[in-house]
Amino acid sequence: MEILYLLIPLSVMLVFLVGAAFWWSVAHGQFDDLEGPAHRILSDDDSVH
């Protein structure tokens, strides 16, 4: 039962850390263009000489 005094605050801190990382990634445009890199690799012209 005493382990809950450790696990509950740790899990709450983990939730806040994941939320902060997600918020940072959304604020810095990490999810703006999800399909662009997939289409660019198909149109890449690597000509072998």
PDB file of N, CA and C in Angstrom:
ATOM      1  N   MET A   1       0.815  -1.197   0.000  1.00  0.00           N
ATOM      2  CA  MET A   1       0.000   0.000   0.000  1.00  0.00           C
ATOM      3  C   MET A   1       0.861   1.264   0.000  1.00  0.00           C
ATOM      4  N   GLU A   2       2.030   1.179   0.610  1.00  0.00           N
ATOM      5  CA  GLU A   2       2.898   2.353   0.663  1.00  0.00           C
ATOM      6  C   GLU A   2       3.476   2.696  -0.709  1.00  0.00           C
ATOM      7  N   ILE A   3       3.515   1.702  -1.599  1.00  0.00           N
ATOM      8  CA  ILE A   3       4.063   1.951  -2.924  1.00  0.00           C
ATOM      9  C   ILE A   3       3.178   2.915  -3.711  1.00  0.00           C
ATOM     10  N   LEU A   4       1.913   2.995  -3.366  1.00  0.00           N
ATOM     11  CA  LEU A   4       1.012   3.921  -4.045  1.00  0.00           C
ATOM     12  C   LEU A   4       1.402   5.369  -3.801  1.00  0.00           C
ATOM     13  N   TYR A   5       2.000   5.644  -2.648  1.00  0.00           N
ATOM     14  CA  TYR A   5       2.458   7.008  -2.368  1.00  0.00           C
ATOM     15  C   TYR A   5       3.583   7.413  -3.314  1.00  0.00           C
ATOM     16  N   LEU A   6       4.261   6.448  -3.893  1.00  0.00           N
ATOM     17  CA  LEU A   6       5.303   6.728  -4.871  1.00  0.00           C
ATOM     18  C   LEU A   6       4.767   6.660  -6.298  1.00  0.00           C
ATOM     19  N   LEU A   7       3.951   5.666  -6.598  1.00  0.00           N
ATOM     20  CA  LEU A   7       3.518   5.439  -7.966  1.00  0.00           C
ATOM     21  C   LEU A   7       2.511   6.470  -8.471  1.00  0.00           C
ATOM     22  N   ILE A   8       1.629   6.930  -7.614  1.00  0.00           N
ATOM     23  CA  ILE A   8       0.628   7.906  -8.062  1.00  0.00           C
ATOM     24  C   ILE A   8       1.279   9.241  -8.449  1.00  0.00           C
ATOM     25  N   PRO A   9       2.145   9.824  -7.635  1.00  0.00           N
ATOM     26  CA  PRO A   9       2.809  11.063  -8.086  1.00  0.00           C
ATOM     27  C   PRO A   9       3.697  10.859  -9.323  1.00  0.00           C
ATOM     28  N   LEU A  10       4.354   9.702  -9.417  1.00  0.00           N
ATOM     29  CA  LEU A  10       5.174   9.450 -10.596  1.00  0.00           C
ATOM     30  C   LEU A  10       4.323   9.348 -11.858  1.00  0.00           C
ATOM     31  N   SER A  11       3.176   8.707 -11.757  1.00  0.00           N
ATOM     32  CA  SER A  11       2.318   8.596 -12.937  1.00  0.00           C
ATOM     33  C   SER A  11       1.726   9.950 -13.323  1.00  0.00           C
ATOM     34  N   VAL A  12       1.399  10.774 -12.350  1.00  0.00           N
ATOM     35  CA  VAL A  12       0.889  12.114 -12.657  1.00  0.00           C
ATOM     36  C   VAL A  12       1.983  12.951 -13.319  1.00  0.00           C
ATOM     37  N   MET A  13       3.209  12.850 -12.844  1.00  0.00           N
ATOM     38  CA  MET A  13       4.317  13.572 -13.463  1.00  0.00           C
ATOM     39  C   MET A  13       4.572  13.073 -14.882  1.00  0.00           C
ATOM     40  N   LEU A  14       4.437  11.779 -15.105  1.00  0.00           N
ATOM     41  CA  LEU A  14       4.628  11.221 -16.437  1.00  0.00           C
ATOM     42  C   LEU A  14       3.564  11.725 -17.398  1.00  0.00           C
ATOM     43  N   VAL A  15       2.334  11.820 -16.939  1.00  0.00           N
ATOM     44  CA  VAL A  15       1.251  12.351 -17.777  1.00  0.00           C
ATOM     45  C   VAL A  15       1.536  13.802 -18.141  1.00  0.00           C
ATOM     46  N   PHE A  16       1.989  14.597 -17.193  1.00  0.00           N
ATOM     47  CA  PHE A  16       2.309  15.994 -17.486  1.00  0.00           C
ATOM     48  C   PHE A  16       3.500  16.112 -18.445  1.00  0.00           C
ATOM     49  N   LEU A  17       4.486  15.239 -18.308  1.00  0.00           N
ATOM     50  CA  LEU A  17       5.626  15.262 -19.217  1.00  0.00           C
ATOM     51  C   LEU A  17       5.210  14.910 -20.645  1.00  0.00           C
ATOM     52  N   VAL A  18       4.393  13.900 -20.802  1.00  0.00           N
ATOM     53  CA  VAL A  18       3.925  13.514 -22.130  1.00  0.00           C
ATOM     54  C   VAL A  18       3.058  14.621 -22.717  1.00  0.00           C
ATOM     55  N   GLY A  19       2.205  15.216 -21.896  1.00  0.00           N
ATOM     56  CA  GLY A  19       1.375  16.327 -22.370  1.00  0.00           C
ATOM     57  C   GLY A  19       2.206  17.518 -22.788  1.00  0.00           C
ATOM     58  N   ALA A  20       3.239  17.837 -22.024  1.00  0.00           N
ATOM     59  CA  ALA A  20       4.113  18.961 -22.373  1.00  0.00           C
ATOM     60  C   ALA A  20       4.886  18.676 -23.663  1.00  0.00           C
ATOM     61  N   ALA A  21       5.347  17.447 -23.846  1.00  0.00           N
ATOM     62  CA  ALA A  21       6.064  17.096 -25.074  1.00  0.00           C
ATOM     63  C   ALA A  21       5.134  17.172 -26.279  1.00  0.00           C
ATOM     64  N   PHE A  22       3.903  16.737 -26.122  1.00  0.00           N
ATOM     65  CA  PHE A  22       2.943  16.817 -27.224  1.00  0.00           C
ATOM     66  C   PHE A  22       2.613  18.268 -27.543  1.00  0.00           C
ATOM     67  N   TRP A  23       2.397  19.073 -26.514  1.00  0.00           N
ATOM     68  CA  TRP A  23       2.080  20.485 -26.721  1.00  0.00           C
ATOM     69  C   TRP A  23       3.244  21.199 -27.417  1.00  0.00           C
ATOM     70  N   TRP A  24       4.467  20.898 -27.011  1.00  0.00           N
ATOM     71  CA  TRP A  24       5.632  21.505 -27.643  1.00  0.00           C
ATOM     72  C   TRP A  24       5.702  21.115 -29.113  1.00  0.00           C
ATOM     73  N   SER A  25       5.468  19.857 -29.415  1.00  0.00           N
ATOM     74  CA  SER A  25       5.571  19.410 -30.804  1.00  0.00           C
ATOM     75  C   SER A  25       4.483  20.023 -31.674  1.00  0.00           C
ATOM     76  N   VAL A  26       3.291  20.216 -31.140  1.00  0.00           N
ATOM     77  CA  VAL A  26       2.229  20.868 -31.906  1.00  0.00           C
ATOM     78  C   VAL A  26       2.560  22.342 -32.099  1.00  0.00           C
ATOM     79  N   ALA A  27       3.083  22.985 -31.073  1.00  0.00           N
ATOM     80  CA  ALA A  27       3.399  24.410 -31.164  1.00  0.00           C
ATOM     81  C   ALA A  27       4.550  24.683 -32.128  1.00  0.00           C
ATOM     82  N   HIS A  28       5.447  23.735 -32.307  1.00  0.00           N
ATOM     83  CA  HIS A  28       6.594  23.942 -33.184  1.00  0.00           C
ATOM     84  C   HIS A  28       6.393  23.336 -34.569  1.00  0.00           C
ATOM     85  N   GLY A  29       5.173  22.964 -34.912  1.00  0.00           N
ATOM     86  CA  GLY A  29       4.855  22.556 -36.271  1.00  0.00           C
ATOM     87  C   GLY A  29       5.291  21.168 -36.666  1.00  0.00           C
ATOM     88  N   GLN A  30       5.450  20.270 -35.724  1.00  0.00           N
ATOM     89  CA  GLN A  30       5.876  18.921 -36.060  1.00  0.00           C
ATOM     90  C   GLN A  30       4.792  18.126 -36.779  1.00  0.00           C
ATOM     91  N   PHE A  31       3.544  18.518 -36.636  1.00  0.00           N
ATOM     92  CA  PHE A  31       2.442  17.789 -37.246  1.00  0.00           C
ATOM     93  C   PHE A  31       1.780  18.574 -38.372  1.00  0.00           C
ATOM     94  N   ASP A  32       2.455  19.569 -38.929  1.00  0.00           N
ATOM     95  CA  ASP A  32       1.849  20.409 -39.959  1.00  0.00           C
ATOM     96  C   ASP A  32       1.674  19.665 -41.283  1.00  0.00           C
ATOM     97  N   ASP A  33       2.706  19.018 -41.762  1.00  0.00           N
ATOM     98  CA  ASP A  33       2.661  18.365 -43.064  1.00  0.00           C
ATOM     99  C   ASP A  33       3.105  16.914 -42.896  1.00  0.00           C
ATOM    100  N   LEU A  34       2.149  16.027 -42.705  1.00  0.00           N
ATOM    101  CA  LEU A  34       2.484  14.626 -42.471  1.00  0.00           C
ATOM    102  C   LEU A  34       2.672  13.846 -43.769  1.00  0.00           C
ATOM    103  N   GLU A  35       2.076  14.296 -44.874  1.00  0.00           N
ATOM    104  CA  GLU A  35       2.156  13.542 -46.117  1.00  0.00           C
ATOM    105  C   GLU A  35       3.199  14.087 -47.087  1.00  0.00           C
ATOM    106  N   GLY A  36       3.721  15.266 -46.835  1.00  0.00           N
ATOM    107  CA  GLY A  36       4.694  15.865 -47.745  1.00  0.00           C
ATOM    108  C   GLY A  36       5.950  15.042 -47.930  1.00  0.00           C
ATOM    109  N   PRO A  37       6.624  14.607 -46.870  1.00  0.00           N
ATOM    110  CA  PRO A  37       7.844  13.812 -47.060  1.00  0.00           C
ATOM    111  C   PRO A  37       7.587  12.492 -47.781  1.00  0.00           C
ATOM    112  N   ALA A  38       6.426  11.898 -47.592  1.00  0.00           N
ATOM    113  CA  ALA A  38       6.126  10.638 -48.270  1.00  0.00           C
ATOM    114  C   ALA A  38       5.968  10.855 -49.770  1.00  0.00           C
ATOM    115  N   HIS A  39       5.424  11.985 -50.184  1.00  0.00           N
ATOM    116  CA  HIS A  39       5.267  12.265 -51.607  1.00  0.00           C
ATOM    117  C   HIS A  39       6.573  12.754 -52.232  1.00  0.00           C
ATOM    118  N   ARG A  40       7.391  13.447 -51.460  1.00  0.00           N
ATOM    119  CA  ARG A  40       8.657  13.945 -51.996  1.00  0.00           C
ATOM    120  C   ARG A  40       9.623  12.812 -52.322  1.00  0.00           C
ATOM    121  N   ILE A  41       9.602  11.739 -51.554  1.00  0.00           N
ATOM    122  CA  ILE A  41      10.532  10.652 -51.811  1.00  0.00           C
ATOM    123  C   ILE A  41      10.185   9.926 -53.109  1.00  0.00           C
ATOM    124  N   LEU A  42       8.900   9.977 -53.499  1.00  0.00           N
ATOM    125  CA  LEU A  42       8.499   9.334 -54.744  1.00  0.00           C
ATOM    126  C   LEU A  42       8.892  10.155 -55.966  1.00  0.00           C
ATOM    127  N   SER A  43       8.965  11.462 -55.815  1.00  0.00           N
ATOM    128  CA  SER A  43       9.314  12.320 -56.944  1.00  0.00           C
ATOM    129  C   SER A  43      10.781  12.722 -56.951  1.00  0.00           C
ATOM    130  N   ASP A  44      11.593  12.091 -56.152  1.00  0.00           N
ATOM    131  CA  ASP A  44      13.014  12.410 -56.091  1.00  0.00           C
ATOM    132  C   ASP A  44      13.705  11.858 -57.338  1.00  0.00           C
ATOM    133  N   ASP A  45      14.483  12.707 -58.010  1.00  0.00           N
ATOM    134  CA  ASP A  45      15.165  12.299 -59.237  1.00  0.00           C
ATOM    135  C   ASP A  45      16.609  11.943 -58.923  1.00  0.00           C
ATOM    136  N   ASP A  46      16.855  10.678 -58.721  1.00  0.00           N
ATOM    137  CA  ASP A  46      18.230  10.177 -58.529  1.00  0.00           C
ATOM    138  C   ASP A  46      18.640   9.485 -59.815  1.00  0.00           C
ATOM    139  N   SER A  47      19.257  10.219 -60.691  1.00  0.00           N
ATOM    140  CA  SER A  47      19.667   9.620 -61.962  1.00  0.00           C
ATOM    141  C   SER A  47      21.073   9.053 -61.810  1.00  0.00           C
ATOM    142  N   VAL A  48      21.236   7.836 -62.282  1.00  0.00           N
ATOM    143  CA  VAL A  48      22.541   7.169 -62.233  1.00  0.00           C
ATOM    144  C   VAL A  48      23.255   7.440 -63.549  1.00  0.00           C
ATOM    145  N   HIS A  49      24.489   7.908 -63.483  1.00  0.00           N
ATOM    146  CA  HIS A  49      25.227   8.263 -64.693  1.00  0.00           C
ATOM    147  C   HIS A  49      26.016   7.096 -65.186  1.00  0.00           C
TER     148      HIS A  49
END
